[in-house]
Amino acid sequence: MHPATLLGFVALSLFAETSTPSIPAEPIGKKKDLLFEDNFEGAQPDKRWHQVVQTFTLEKGALKGTQTRAQNIPAADGKPAVTAHAAVHGLELPTSDSIVECKICFEGATMMDVEFDDRKYTGCHYGHICRAQVRYNPKDKTFSATIIDEKEGNMRNDIYEMKNDPSKKAEVAKLLQGRQATFPIKPALEVGKWYNLTVETVGDEMRMCIEGKPVAYLKSPGIAHATKSKIEFGVAGQSGCFDDLKVWAATK
C-alpha cells in the first residue's frame, strides 16, 4: 500500500471509532480446557509454531520478535519487491472462544499483538479475523490498546479493495464504523518491563487486560467467526518479547 494511502486509511479507521464502547469491568469468559502452553524453555519448539514473517528467535527463555521488513523496497537488480510488515509468528491451534494469557515486554517495539486467523476463510484478506494490539508511541511515550474486527472491517475483501481508492474514502469510513476501538493505557507502561496480558474472545466480544486491569473492549460480528484456525503474535519495531503463554478454551 502506498504510504499516503495508508495514512489516509489510518485516518478513516480513527474516524470509524468515534463512539468508543465502555469496557466491562468483569471477565466476559470463563476458562475451560487448557489447549496450549509454552514457557519457551524447551530445547525444541512445539511443532505447531512456525514463522510467518521474519524475524522471531528464542532468547533467554522468551520468544523475541524483531521487525526486519521495516520499509517498502521496490524490485531492483532481479530481486523482488519487499513490503514493510511486522514480524509475525504463527501457532496452529484451532479455537472458537478462547482466553489467551502471556507476558509481554516492549524493547523498542512500537506494536505487539495477538491475532486470530482462519486461512480457509476467503471472505477477507488472508483470512484475518480479529486482533488485539498494544501500541507504543515513542514521541510522547504513551501506550494505547486497540481491538479490531478484521473480518467485517479493514480486511473484508470489498473494504480492502476500496481503501486504495481515494474516491471511496467516505464509503469506507462508514463501513468501518464500530469495527475497531482504541483506548489510552493509563498510567503508561514502562519500556523494558514485563506485563501480564490477557485477551478474551467470546462470541462477538473481545476484551483485553494488562496486569488484570481491563484496557480495551469491542463487540462486533466478525469476532464471532466460528473457527479460528490459528493464533499469530506480531511485533512492529525493534523489538518485543512474549513469554509464559497459555491458551484456554472459554465459555460465557
Protein backbone atom coordinates (compact mmCIF):
# COMPACT_ATOMS: atom_id res chain seq x y z
CA MET A 1 0.00 0.00 0.00
CA HIS A 2 1.31 3.48 -0.86
CA PRO A 3 2.33 5.40 2.31
CA ALA A 4 -0.09 8.27 1.55
CA THR A 5 -2.93 5.82 1.08
CA LEU A 6 -2.01 4.09 4.32
CA LEU A 7 -2.09 7.37 6.24
CA GLY A 8 -5.48 8.14 4.78
CA PHE A 9 -6.78 4.75 5.79
CA VAL A 10 -5.46 5.20 9.33
CA ALA A 11 -7.40 8.46 9.49
CA LEU A 12 -10.51 6.66 8.31
CA SER A 13 -10.01 3.99 10.95
CA LEU A 14 -9.75 6.62 13.67
CA PHE A 15 -12.92 8.27 12.38
CA ALA A 16 -14.62 4.88 12.46
CA GLU A 17 -14.16 4.55 16.21
CA THR A 18 -15.66 7.87 17.30
CA SER A 19 -18.12 6.04 19.53
CA THR A 20 -15.79 4.23 21.92
CA PRO A 21 -17.51 1.40 23.81
CA SER A 22 -17.31 1.08 27.56
CA ILE A 23 -15.06 -1.71 28.86
CA PRO A 24 -16.73 -4.40 31.01
CA ALA A 25 -15.21 -4.50 34.47
CA GLU A 26 -15.74 -8.25 34.77
CA PRO A 27 -14.40 -11.07 32.53
CA ILE A 28 -16.53 -11.88 29.50
CA GLY A 29 -15.48 -15.56 29.52
CA LYS A 30 -14.63 -18.44 31.83
CA LYS A 31 -11.69 -20.80 31.36
CA LYS A 32 -12.41 -24.37 30.28
CA ASP A 33 -9.77 -26.80 28.96
CA LEU A 34 -6.14 -25.71 28.70
CA LEU A 35 -5.36 -26.03 24.97
CA PHE A 36 -1.72 -24.98 24.85
CA GLU A 37 1.12 -23.65 26.97
CA ASP A 38 4.73 -22.72 26.30
CA ASN A 39 7.31 -21.05 28.54
CA PHE A 40 9.89 -21.14 25.72
CA GLU A 41 12.40 -23.02 27.87
CA GLY A 42 12.35 -26.29 25.91
CA ALA A 43 15.22 -27.48 23.75
CA GLN A 44 12.88 -27.86 20.76
CA PRO A 45 9.93 -25.61 19.96
CA ASP A 46 6.47 -27.13 19.69
CA LYS A 47 5.86 -28.31 16.12
CA ARG A 48 2.74 -26.14 15.89
CA TRP A 49 4.88 -22.99 15.89
CA HIS A 50 6.02 -21.52 12.56
CA GLN A 51 7.45 -18.23 11.36
CA VAL A 52 5.05 -16.27 9.14
CA VAL A 53 7.04 -13.05 8.63
CA GLN A 54 10.66 -12.76 9.77
CA THR A 55 12.12 -12.50 12.39
CA PHE A 56 11.46 -14.35 15.66
CA THR A 57 14.07 -16.02 17.85
CA LEU A 58 14.22 -17.73 21.22
CA GLU A 59 16.35 -15.67 23.61
CA LYS A 60 16.77 -16.04 27.37
CA GLY A 61 13.73 -18.26 27.67
CA ALA A 62 11.39 -15.93 25.76
CA LEU A 63 10.06 -15.53 22.21
CA LYS A 64 11.60 -12.37 20.74
CA GLY A 65 10.20 -10.65 17.66
CA THR A 66 12.08 -8.02 15.65
CA GLN A 67 10.68 -6.31 12.57
CA THR A 68 13.22 -6.78 9.78
CA ARG A 69 10.90 -5.76 6.91
CA ALA A 70 10.86 -2.17 8.17
CA GLN A 71 10.29 -0.33 4.88
CA ASN A 72 8.99 -0.82 1.35
CA ILE A 73 11.78 -1.64 -1.10
CA PRO A 74 10.98 -1.65 -4.84
CA ALA A 75 12.10 -4.51 -7.05
CA ALA A 76 15.60 -3.98 -8.45
CA ASP A 77 18.54 -5.92 -9.88
CA GLY A 78 16.47 -9.06 -10.28
CA LYS A 79 15.33 -9.02 -6.65
CA PRO A 80 11.61 -8.96 -5.80
CA ALA A 81 9.97 -6.00 -4.08
CA VAL A 82 9.75 -6.06 -0.28
CA THR A 83 6.66 -4.75 1.51
CA ALA A 84 7.04 -3.41 5.04
CA HIS A 85 5.40 -5.78 7.54
CA ALA A 86 5.53 -6.56 11.24
CA ALA A 87 7.32 -9.73 12.34
CA VAL A 88 4.71 -12.48 12.78
CA HIS A 89 4.95 -15.88 14.50
CA GLY A 90 2.10 -18.36 13.97
CA LEU A 91 0.64 -21.07 16.19
CA GLU A 92 -1.56 -23.71 14.54
CA LEU A 93 -4.19 -24.01 17.25
CA PRO A 94 -7.89 -24.12 16.28
CA THR A 95 -10.11 -22.18 18.67
CA SER A 96 -13.58 -20.70 18.77
CA ASP A 97 -13.99 -18.93 22.10
CA SER A 98 -10.72 -18.62 24.00
CA ILE A 99 -8.67 -16.90 26.67
CA VAL A 100 -5.04 -16.16 25.84
CA GLU A 101 -2.64 -15.23 28.63
CA CYS A 102 1.02 -14.31 28.20
CA LYS A 103 3.68 -11.89 29.32
CA ILE A 104 4.84 -9.10 27.02
CA CYS A 105 7.83 -6.76 27.14
CA PHE A 106 8.50 -3.78 24.85
CA GLU A 107 12.18 -3.50 23.97
CA GLY A 108 11.96 -0.87 21.25
CA ALA A 109 8.77 -2.23 19.68
CA THR A 110 6.00 0.16 18.67
CA MET A 111 3.32 -2.55 18.50
CA MET A 112 2.71 -6.05 19.87
CA ASP A 113 -0.43 -8.03 19.16
CA VAL A 114 -2.39 -11.27 19.41
CA GLU A 115 -4.31 -12.11 16.23
CA PHE A 116 -6.79 -14.79 15.21
CA ASP A 117 -6.95 -16.06 11.62
CA ASP A 118 -8.75 -18.64 9.52
CA ARG A 119 -6.76 -19.32 6.37
CA LYS A 120 -9.62 -21.34 4.87
CA TYR A 121 -11.98 -18.38 5.05
CA THR A 122 -11.88 -16.46 1.75
CA GLY A 123 -14.19 -13.56 2.60
CA CYS A 124 -11.36 -11.38 3.91
CA HIS A 125 -7.72 -10.77 3.09
CA TYR A 126 -5.52 -13.70 4.13
CA GLY A 127 -8.20 -14.99 6.49
CA HIS A 128 -7.61 -12.26 9.10
CA ILE A 129 -10.45 -12.43 11.65
CA CYS A 130 -9.69 -10.20 14.67
CA ARG A 131 -6.80 -8.91 16.76
CA ALA A 132 -5.85 -7.19 20.00
CA GLN A 133 -2.95 -4.72 19.86
CA VAL A 134 -0.82 -2.85 22.38
CA ARG A 135 0.84 0.18 20.81
CA TYR A 136 3.66 2.46 21.96
CA ASN A 137 4.27 5.99 20.68
CA PRO A 138 7.95 6.78 21.34
CA LYS A 139 7.44 10.50 20.62
CA ASP A 140 5.23 11.11 23.63
CA LYS A 141 5.92 7.81 25.44
CA THR A 142 2.24 6.86 25.54
CA PHE A 143 0.64 3.43 25.20
CA SER A 144 -2.74 2.50 23.76
CA ALA A 145 -4.82 -0.66 23.31
CA THR A 146 -6.78 -1.45 20.14
CA ILE A 147 -9.18 -4.27 19.27
CA ILE A 148 -10.09 -4.78 15.61
CA ASP A 149 -12.79 -6.84 13.89
CA GLU A 150 -10.90 -7.51 10.66
CA LYS A 151 -13.37 -9.99 9.17
CA GLU A 152 -16.11 -7.36 8.89
CA GLY A 153 -13.74 -4.39 8.95
CA ASN A 154 -10.46 -3.40 7.33
CA MET A 155 -9.62 -6.85 5.91
CA ARG A 156 -13.05 -7.69 4.44
CA ASN A 157 -12.47 -8.17 0.71
CA ASP A 158 -14.61 -5.32 -0.57
CA ILE A 159 -13.29 -2.84 2.02
CA TYR A 160 -9.70 -3.99 1.50
CA GLU A 161 -10.01 -3.16 -2.22
CA MET A 162 -11.91 0.08 -1.71
CA LYS A 163 -9.42 1.57 0.75
CA ASN A 164 -6.90 2.09 -2.08
CA ASP A 165 -9.38 4.31 -3.95
CA PRO A 166 -9.42 7.92 -2.62
CA SER A 167 -12.90 8.44 -4.10
CA LYS A 168 -14.23 5.71 -1.74
CA LYS A 169 -12.93 7.41 1.42
CA ALA A 170 -16.34 8.36 2.83
CA GLU A 171 -17.87 4.98 1.98
CA VAL A 172 -15.01 3.10 3.62
CA ALA A 173 -15.26 5.25 6.74
CA LYS A 174 -18.95 4.41 7.04
CA LEU A 175 -18.32 0.68 6.60
CA LEU A 176 -15.62 0.75 9.28
CA GLN A 177 -17.76 2.36 11.96
CA GLY A 178 -17.86 0.15 15.05
CA ARG A 179 -15.30 -2.32 13.70
CA GLN A 180 -12.41 -1.24 15.95
CA ALA A 181 -11.87 0.61 19.20
CA THR A 182 -8.79 2.27 20.70
CA PHE A 183 -8.23 3.23 24.33
CA PRO A 184 -5.34 5.03 26.08
CA ILE A 185 -3.47 2.94 28.64
CA LYS A 186 -3.04 4.93 31.85
CA PRO A 187 -0.78 5.01 33.66
CA ALA A 188 1.58 4.34 30.77
CA LEU A 189 3.54 1.09 30.68
CA GLU A 190 7.31 1.05 31.00
CA VAL A 191 9.64 0.02 28.20
CA GLY A 192 11.76 -2.96 29.24
CA LYS A 193 9.30 -4.16 31.88
CA TRP A 194 7.27 -7.39 31.71
CA TYR A 195 3.46 -7.22 31.90
CA ASN A 196 0.75 -9.86 32.06
CA LEU A 197 -1.56 -9.66 29.02
CA THR A 198 -4.97 -11.35 28.77
CA VAL A 199 -7.09 -11.48 25.61
CA GLU A 200 -10.61 -12.90 25.93
CA THR A 201 -12.51 -13.79 22.75
CA VAL A 202 -16.06 -14.96 23.47
CA GLY A 203 -18.89 -14.85 20.94
CA ASP A 204 -18.81 -11.46 19.21
CA GLU A 205 -16.82 -9.80 22.00
CA MET A 206 -13.12 -9.25 22.69
CA ARG A 207 -11.70 -7.83 25.92
CA MET A 208 -8.07 -7.12 26.77
CA CYS A 209 -6.49 -6.76 30.22
CA ILE A 210 -2.98 -5.78 31.32
CA GLU A 211 -1.95 -6.79 34.83
CA GLY A 212 -5.59 -7.74 35.42
CA LYS A 213 -6.87 -4.26 34.56
CA PRO A 214 -9.35 -4.03 31.63
CA VAL A 215 -7.83 -1.79 28.93
CA ALA A 216 -9.86 -2.46 25.75
CA TYR A 217 -13.14 -3.98 24.54
CA LEU A 218 -15.08 -4.43 21.30
CA LYS A 219 -18.34 -6.12 20.37
CA SER A 220 -18.55 -6.71 16.61
CA PRO A 221 -19.98 -9.56 14.46
CA GLY A 222 -16.77 -10.71 12.79
CA ILE A 223 -15.25 -11.64 16.14
CA ALA A 224 -17.83 -14.44 16.40
CA HIS A 225 -16.31 -16.31 13.43
CA ALA A 226 -16.83 -19.95 14.42
CA THR A 227 -13.41 -21.41 13.62
CA LYS A 228 -10.21 -19.50 14.22
CA SER A 229 -7.60 -21.91 12.88
CA LYS A 230 -4.50 -20.22 14.22
CA ILE A 231 -3.18 -17.58 16.58
CA GLU A 232 -0.48 -15.20 15.42
CA PHE A 233 1.79 -13.00 17.51
CA GLY A 234 3.10 -9.82 15.94
CA VAL A 235 5.83 -7.27 16.68
CA ALA A 236 6.46 -3.99 14.86
CA GLY A 237 9.67 -2.12 15.58
CA GLN A 238 12.79 -3.15 17.49
CA SER A 239 11.92 -5.45 19.46
CA GLY A 240 9.25 -7.16 21.63
CA CYS A 241 9.16 -10.37 23.70
CA PHE A 242 6.47 -12.88 24.65
CA ASP A 243 6.70 -15.42 27.47
CA ASP A 244 4.66 -17.83 29.60
CA LEU A 245 1.92 -18.34 27.02
CA LYS A 246 -1.27 -20.21 27.90
CA VAL A 247 -4.41 -20.67 25.78
CA TRP A 248 -7.70 -21.95 27.19
CA ALA A 249 -10.98 -22.79 25.54
CA ALA A 250 -13.60 -20.45 27.00
CA THR A 251 -17.30 -20.25 27.68
CA LYS A 252 -19.69 -17.49 28.77
